Structures are given as structure tokens and as C-alpha cells.
Amino acid sequence: MFGRLTLPQLLFASILGIAGGLYIYQPIFEQYYRDQMELKEKLKLAQESEEKKS
């Protein structure tokens, strides 16, 4: 059906591939999260200063 690999072997290889990809790209995901938090803080500060002006 799948050649020489059994279904459990394919599932195991798929899980390892996904986990490996997440491990490799984890720093990129963390940097994106930090950047988003910084943008939210800047936006919040800008809104607060806007409210104080008016």
C-alpha cells in the first residue's frame, strides 16, 4: 500500500518531522511573538497619550 513503510512508521516519521520543524523555527516564532507584544505596547501608549491630549 505505502511501499516498504508500515503505517506506524509513517506516522512516527511524520510526527518527528513536525516536531523537528517546530524546534528549528522556534526562535522565529518567539521573535514574532516579542515583536507583536512590542507593537501592542506602543499602540497602547500612543492611545493613552492621545487621550491625555484631548
C-alpha atoms as a PDB file:
ATOM      1  CA  MET A   1       0.000   0.000   0.000  1.00  0.00           C
ATOM      2  CA  PHE A   2       2.609   2.587   1.062  1.00  0.00           C
ATOM      3  CA  GLY A   3       5.626   0.738  -0.271  1.00  0.00           C
ATOM      4  CA  ARG A   4       8.015  -0.630   2.309  1.00  0.00           C
ATOM      5  CA  LEU A   5       6.933   1.529   5.240  1.00  0.00           C
ATOM      6  CA  THR A   6       4.131   0.500   7.540  1.00  0.00           C
ATOM      7  CA  LEU A   7       1.505   2.954   8.735  1.00  0.00           C
ATOM      8  CA  PRO A   8       3.005   3.269  12.267  1.00  0.00           C
ATOM      9  CA  GLN A   9       6.394   4.022  10.730  1.00  0.00           C
ATOM     10  CA  LEU A  10       4.887   6.726   8.523  1.00  0.00           C
ATOM     11  CA  LEU A  11       3.053   8.270  11.468  1.00  0.00           C
ATOM     12  CA  PHE A  12       6.212   8.235  13.572  1.00  0.00           C
ATOM     13  CA  ALA A  13       8.245   9.836  10.786  1.00  0.00           C
ATOM     14  CA  SER A  14       5.565  12.499  10.289  1.00  0.00           C
ATOM     15  CA  ILE A  15       5.482  13.344  13.987  1.00  0.00           C
ATOM     16  CA  LEU A  16       9.281  13.569  14.087  1.00  0.00           C
ATOM     17  CA  GLY A  17       9.266  15.840  11.045  1.00  0.00           C
ATOM     18  CA  ILE A  18       6.698  18.200  12.516  1.00  0.00           C
ATOM     19  CA  ALA A  19       8.439  18.282  15.910  1.00  0.00           C
ATOM     20  CA  GLY A  20      11.790  18.921  14.243  1.00  0.00           C
ATOM     21  CA  GLY A  21      10.366  21.772  12.196  1.00  0.00           C
ATOM     22  CA  LEU A  22       8.859  23.380  15.265  1.00  0.00           C
ATOM     23  CA  TYR A  23      12.148  23.016  17.133  1.00  0.00           C
ATOM     24  CA  ILE A  24      14.161  24.568  14.307  1.00  0.00           C
ATOM     25  CA  TYR A  25      11.788  27.502  13.762  1.00  0.00           C
ATOM     26  CA  GLN A  26      11.091  28.150  17.469  1.00  0.00           C
ATOM     27  CA  PRO A  27      13.380  31.247  17.629  1.00  0.00           C
ATOM     28  CA  ILE A  28      11.499  32.785  14.693  1.00  0.00           C
ATOM     29  CA  PHE A  29       8.148  32.170  16.415  1.00  0.00           C
ATOM     30  CA  GLU A  30       9.475  33.689  19.656  1.00  0.00           C
ATOM     31  CA  GLN A  31      10.799  36.777  17.861  1.00  0.00           C
ATOM     32  CA  TYR A  32       7.435  37.237  16.123  1.00  0.00           C
ATOM     33  CA  TYR A  33       5.656  36.990  19.495  1.00  0.00           C
ATOM     34  CA  ARG A  34       8.007  39.557  21.074  1.00  0.00           C
ATOM     35  CA  ASP A  35       7.548  41.940  18.133  1.00  0.00           C
ATOM     36  CA  GLN A  36       3.759  41.661  18.406  1.00  0.00           C
ATOM     37  CA  MET A  37       3.889  42.411  22.136  1.00  0.00           C
ATOM     38  CA  GLU A  38       6.065  45.483  21.487  1.00  0.00           C
ATOM     39  CA  LEU A  39       3.639  46.750  18.856  1.00  0.00           C
ATOM     40  CA  LYS A  40       0.707  46.318  21.239  1.00  0.00           C
ATOM     41  CA  GLU A  41       2.560  48.244  23.958  1.00  0.00           C
ATOM     42  CA  LYS A  42       3.447  51.075  21.577  1.00  0.00           C
ATOM     43  CA  LEU A  43      -0.121  51.257  20.328  1.00  0.00           C
ATOM     44  CA  LYS A  44      -1.433  51.333  23.885  1.00  0.00           C
ATOM     45  CA  LEU A  45       0.987  54.119  24.847  1.00  0.00           C
ATOM     46  CA  ALA A  46       0.057  56.102  21.735  1.00  0.00           C
ATOM     47  CA  GLN A  47      -3.649  55.800  22.555  1.00  0.00           C
ATOM     48  CA  GLU A  48      -3.045  56.875  26.152  1.00  0.00           C
ATOM     49  CA  SER A  49      -1.049  59.944  25.081  1.00  0.00           C
ATOM     50  CA  GLU A  50      -3.770  60.763  22.536  1.00  0.00           C
ATOM     51  CA  GLU A  51      -6.414  60.619  25.264  1.00  0.00           C
ATOM     52  CA  LYS A  52      -4.333  62.885  27.534  1.00  0.00           C
ATOM     53  CA  LYS A  53      -4.017  65.493  24.773  1.00  0.00           C
ATOM     54  CA  SER A  54      -7.758  65.744  24.295  1.00  0.00           C
END
